[in-house]
Amino acid sequence: MEIFEPSYSPGDIVYVLYRNPHTQNVAMIQEAAVVNDPDRPGQLAVFLYETYYPLTEDLAIYRSASEAEEAYQYYFGAVD
C-alpha cells in the first residue's frame, strides 16, 4: 500500500467518515486529530477513538465538518 502524502500537519483537526467495526451498517462523522505516528517515526497518523490510524488515501478525511457532512449525505443519506 502506498502512503498518501496530504498537506496535513500535526495538530490539524479533521473529520473522518467512520464505520462502526461492530455494526457495519452504522457510519458516522467523527472529529479526529492529525498527529505524529508513534509507531512510524516521520509519518503522520489520525488519532481516533484512542487508536492511531496511518494517514493513507484509504481514509475518508475532510478538513471541515460541512465537507464531511456533504460526503456522508452522498454516500449514506441524510445525517440525522
N, C-alpha and C. Protein backbone atom coordinates (compact mmCIF):
# COMPACT_ATOMS: atom_id res chain seq x y z
N MET A 1 0.84 -1.17 0.00
CA MET A 1 0.00 0.00 0.00
C MET A 1 0.89 1.24 0.00
N GLU A 2 0.59 2.16 -0.87
CA GLU A 2 1.35 3.40 -0.98
C GLU A 2 0.83 4.41 0.03
N ILE A 3 1.74 5.14 0.66
CA ILE A 3 1.37 6.14 1.66
C ILE A 3 0.89 7.40 0.95
N PHE A 4 -0.21 7.92 1.41
CA PHE A 4 -0.80 9.15 0.89
C PHE A 4 -0.10 10.33 1.53
N GLU A 5 0.35 11.30 0.75
CA GLU A 5 1.10 12.45 1.27
C GLU A 5 0.25 13.73 1.19
N PRO A 6 -0.71 13.87 2.07
CA PRO A 6 -1.53 15.07 2.05
C PRO A 6 -0.80 16.24 2.69
N SER A 7 -1.38 17.40 2.63
CA SER A 7 -0.77 18.57 3.23
C SER A 7 -1.35 18.81 4.62
N TYR A 8 -1.22 17.83 5.48
CA TYR A 8 -1.66 17.94 6.87
C TYR A 8 -0.44 18.13 7.76
N SER A 9 -0.68 18.72 8.91
CA SER A 9 0.38 18.92 9.90
C SER A 9 -0.11 18.41 11.24
N PRO A 10 0.80 17.96 12.10
CA PRO A 10 0.39 17.56 13.44
C PRO A 10 -0.38 18.68 14.13
N GLY A 11 -1.47 18.32 14.75
CA GLY A 11 -2.32 19.29 15.42
C GLY A 11 -3.53 19.70 14.61
N ASP A 12 -3.55 19.40 13.31
CA ASP A 12 -4.73 19.70 12.49
C ASP A 12 -5.91 18.89 12.98
N ILE A 13 -7.07 19.49 13.00
CA ILE A 13 -8.31 18.79 13.30
C ILE A 13 -8.98 18.46 11.98
N VAL A 14 -9.37 17.21 11.81
CA VAL A 14 -10.01 16.74 10.59
C VAL A 14 -11.29 15.99 10.96
N TYR A 15 -12.06 15.66 9.96
CA TYR A 15 -13.32 14.93 10.13
C TYR A 15 -13.25 13.68 9.28
N VAL A 16 -13.54 12.55 9.91
CA VAL A 16 -13.38 11.24 9.28
C VAL A 16 -14.74 10.56 9.18
N LEU A 17 -15.03 9.98 8.02
CA LEU A 17 -16.20 9.10 7.90
C LEU A 17 -15.76 7.77 8.48
N TYR A 18 -16.43 7.36 9.53
CA TYR A 18 -16.00 6.19 10.31
C TYR A 18 -17.13 5.18 10.37
N ARG A 19 -16.82 3.95 10.03
CA ARG A 19 -17.80 2.86 10.16
C ARG A 19 -17.56 2.14 11.47
N ASN A 20 -18.63 1.88 12.17
CA ASN A 20 -18.54 1.14 13.43
C ASN A 20 -18.05 -0.27 13.11
N PRO A 21 -16.94 -0.71 13.70
CA PRO A 21 -16.42 -2.05 13.37
C PRO A 21 -17.30 -3.18 13.87
N HIS A 22 -18.20 -2.90 14.81
CA HIS A 22 -19.07 -3.93 15.38
C HIS A 22 -20.42 -3.99 14.68
N THR A 23 -20.80 -2.90 14.03
CA THR A 23 -22.07 -2.82 13.32
C THR A 23 -21.81 -2.13 11.98
N GLN A 24 -21.54 -2.91 10.96
CA GLN A 24 -21.07 -2.37 9.68
C GLN A 24 -22.06 -1.45 8.98
N ASN A 25 -23.33 -1.52 9.31
CA ASN A 25 -24.28 -0.64 8.64
C ASN A 25 -24.42 0.71 9.35
N VAL A 26 -23.55 0.97 10.33
CA VAL A 26 -23.56 2.24 11.04
C VAL A 26 -22.30 3.02 10.67
N ALA A 27 -22.50 4.21 10.13
CA ALA A 27 -21.39 5.09 9.80
C ALA A 27 -21.67 6.44 10.44
N MET A 28 -20.59 7.16 10.76
CA MET A 28 -20.76 8.47 11.38
C MET A 28 -19.58 9.36 11.01
N ILE A 29 -19.74 10.62 11.29
CA ILE A 29 -18.66 11.58 11.12
C ILE A 29 -18.02 11.77 12.49
N GLN A 30 -16.71 11.64 12.55
CA GLN A 30 -16.01 11.78 13.82
C GLN A 30 -14.86 12.77 13.67
N GLU A 31 -14.78 13.70 14.60
CA GLU A 31 -13.66 14.62 14.64
C GLU A 31 -12.43 13.87 15.11
N ALA A 32 -11.27 14.15 14.52
CA ALA A 32 -10.03 13.48 14.89
C ALA A 32 -8.87 14.46 14.76
N ALA A 33 -7.75 14.10 15.32
CA ALA A 33 -6.56 14.94 15.25
C ALA A 33 -5.49 14.27 14.41
N VAL A 34 -4.77 15.07 13.63
CA VAL A 34 -3.60 14.59 12.91
C VAL A 34 -2.42 14.69 13.88
N VAL A 35 -1.68 13.60 14.01
CA VAL A 35 -0.56 13.54 14.97
C VAL A 35 0.64 12.84 14.32
N ASN A 36 1.79 12.96 14.95
CA ASN A 36 2.94 12.17 14.53
C ASN A 36 2.68 10.73 14.95
N ASP A 37 2.89 9.81 14.04
CA ASP A 37 2.64 8.39 14.32
C ASP A 37 3.71 7.86 15.26
N PRO A 38 3.34 7.42 16.47
CA PRO A 38 4.35 6.95 17.42
C PRO A 38 5.00 5.62 17.00
N ASP A 39 4.35 4.88 16.12
CA ASP A 39 4.88 3.58 15.68
C ASP A 39 5.71 3.68 14.41
N ARG A 40 5.60 4.82 13.71
CA ARG A 40 6.33 5.01 12.45
C ARG A 40 6.92 6.41 12.44
N PRO A 41 8.10 6.59 12.98
CA PRO A 41 8.71 7.92 13.04
C PRO A 41 8.75 8.59 11.67
N GLY A 42 8.42 9.87 11.65
CA GLY A 42 8.42 10.64 10.42
C GLY A 42 7.13 10.56 9.63
N GLN A 43 6.18 9.74 10.08
CA GLN A 43 4.90 9.59 9.39
C GLN A 43 3.78 10.22 10.22
N LEU A 44 2.69 10.56 9.57
CA LEU A 44 1.53 11.11 10.26
C LEU A 44 0.47 10.03 10.44
N ALA A 45 -0.36 10.24 11.46
CA ALA A 45 -1.47 9.34 11.74
C ALA A 45 -2.67 10.18 12.15
N VAL A 46 -3.83 9.56 12.12
CA VAL A 46 -5.05 10.17 12.64
C VAL A 46 -5.33 9.49 13.97
N PHE A 47 -5.52 10.28 15.01
CA PHE A 47 -5.81 9.73 16.34
C PHE A 47 -7.32 9.76 16.52
N LEU A 48 -7.91 8.57 16.56
CA LEU A 48 -9.36 8.43 16.59
C LEU A 48 -9.72 7.30 17.53
N TYR A 49 -10.57 7.57 18.51
CA TYR A 49 -11.01 6.56 19.48
C TYR A 49 -9.81 5.87 20.15
N GLU A 50 -8.87 6.66 20.61
CA GLU A 50 -7.70 6.16 21.35
C GLU A 50 -6.83 5.22 20.51
N THR A 51 -6.91 5.34 19.18
CA THR A 51 -6.14 4.49 18.28
C THR A 51 -5.48 5.37 17.22
N TYR A 52 -4.26 5.01 16.82
CA TYR A 52 -3.55 5.71 15.75
C TYR A 52 -3.80 4.97 14.44
N TYR A 53 -4.32 5.68 13.45
CA TYR A 53 -4.55 5.13 12.13
C TYR A 53 -3.58 5.81 11.17
N PRO A 54 -2.74 5.06 10.46
CA PRO A 54 -1.83 5.70 9.50
C PRO A 54 -2.61 6.57 8.51
N LEU A 55 -2.07 7.71 8.22
CA LEU A 55 -2.72 8.65 7.31
C LEU A 55 -2.47 8.18 5.88
N THR A 56 -3.46 7.49 5.32
CA THR A 56 -3.35 6.95 3.96
C THR A 56 -4.56 7.39 3.15
N GLU A 57 -4.50 7.15 1.87
CA GLU A 57 -5.62 7.50 0.99
C GLU A 57 -6.83 6.60 1.21
N ASP A 58 -6.69 5.57 2.03
CA ASP A 58 -7.81 4.68 2.34
C ASP A 58 -8.79 5.30 3.33
N LEU A 59 -8.38 6.35 4.03
CA LEU A 59 -9.26 7.02 4.99
C LEU A 59 -10.04 8.12 4.29
N ALA A 60 -11.30 8.26 4.66
CA ALA A 60 -12.14 9.35 4.14
C ALA A 60 -12.01 10.52 5.10
N ILE A 61 -11.08 11.43 4.81
CA ILE A 61 -10.75 12.54 5.70
C ILE A 61 -11.15 13.85 5.03
N TYR A 62 -11.75 14.73 5.82
CA TYR A 62 -12.19 16.04 5.33
C TYR A 62 -11.71 17.13 6.27
N ARG A 63 -11.42 18.28 5.73
CA ARG A 63 -10.91 19.40 6.52
C ARG A 63 -11.99 20.11 7.32
N SER A 64 -13.23 20.02 6.89
CA SER A 64 -14.30 20.71 7.62
C SER A 64 -15.47 19.76 7.86
N ALA A 65 -16.23 20.09 8.88
CA ALA A 65 -17.42 19.29 9.19
C ALA A 65 -18.42 19.35 8.05
N SER A 66 -18.54 20.50 7.39
CA SER A 66 -19.51 20.63 6.30
C SER A 66 -19.12 19.76 5.11
N GLU A 67 -17.82 19.67 4.80
CA GLU A 67 -17.37 18.78 3.72
C GLU A 67 -17.68 17.32 4.07
N ALA A 68 -17.45 16.95 5.32
CA ALA A 68 -17.71 15.59 5.77
C ALA A 68 -19.21 15.28 5.71
N GLU A 69 -20.04 16.23 6.12
CA GLU A 69 -21.49 16.02 6.07
C GLU A 69 -21.99 15.87 4.65
N GLU A 70 -21.43 16.65 3.74
CA GLU A 70 -21.81 16.54 2.33
C GLU A 70 -21.45 15.16 1.78
N ALA A 71 -20.26 14.67 2.09
CA ALA A 71 -19.85 13.34 1.65
C ALA A 71 -20.71 12.26 2.29
N TYR A 72 -21.01 12.43 3.57
CA TYR A 72 -21.86 11.46 4.27
C TYR A 72 -23.22 11.38 3.60
N GLN A 73 -23.82 12.51 3.31
CA GLN A 73 -25.13 12.52 2.66
C GLN A 73 -25.07 11.86 1.30
N TYR A 74 -23.99 12.09 0.57
CA TYR A 74 -23.83 11.49 -0.76
C TYR A 74 -23.75 9.97 -0.66
N TYR A 75 -22.95 9.45 0.29
CA TYR A 75 -22.72 8.01 0.38
C TYR A 75 -23.71 7.26 1.25
N PHE A 76 -24.25 7.89 2.29
CA PHE A 76 -25.06 7.16 3.25
C PHE A 76 -26.47 7.73 3.46
N GLY A 77 -26.78 8.87 2.90
CA GLY A 77 -28.07 9.51 3.14
C GLY A 77 -27.93 10.63 4.13
N ALA A 78 -29.01 11.25 4.47
CA ALA A 78 -29.01 12.42 5.34
C ALA A 78 -28.51 12.11 6.74
N VAL A 79 -27.82 13.08 7.33
CA VAL A 79 -27.36 12.98 8.73
C VAL A 79 -28.55 13.24 9.60
N ASP A 80 -28.82 12.33 10.57
CA ASP A 80 -29.95 12.52 11.47
C ASP A 80 -29.56 13.40 12.64
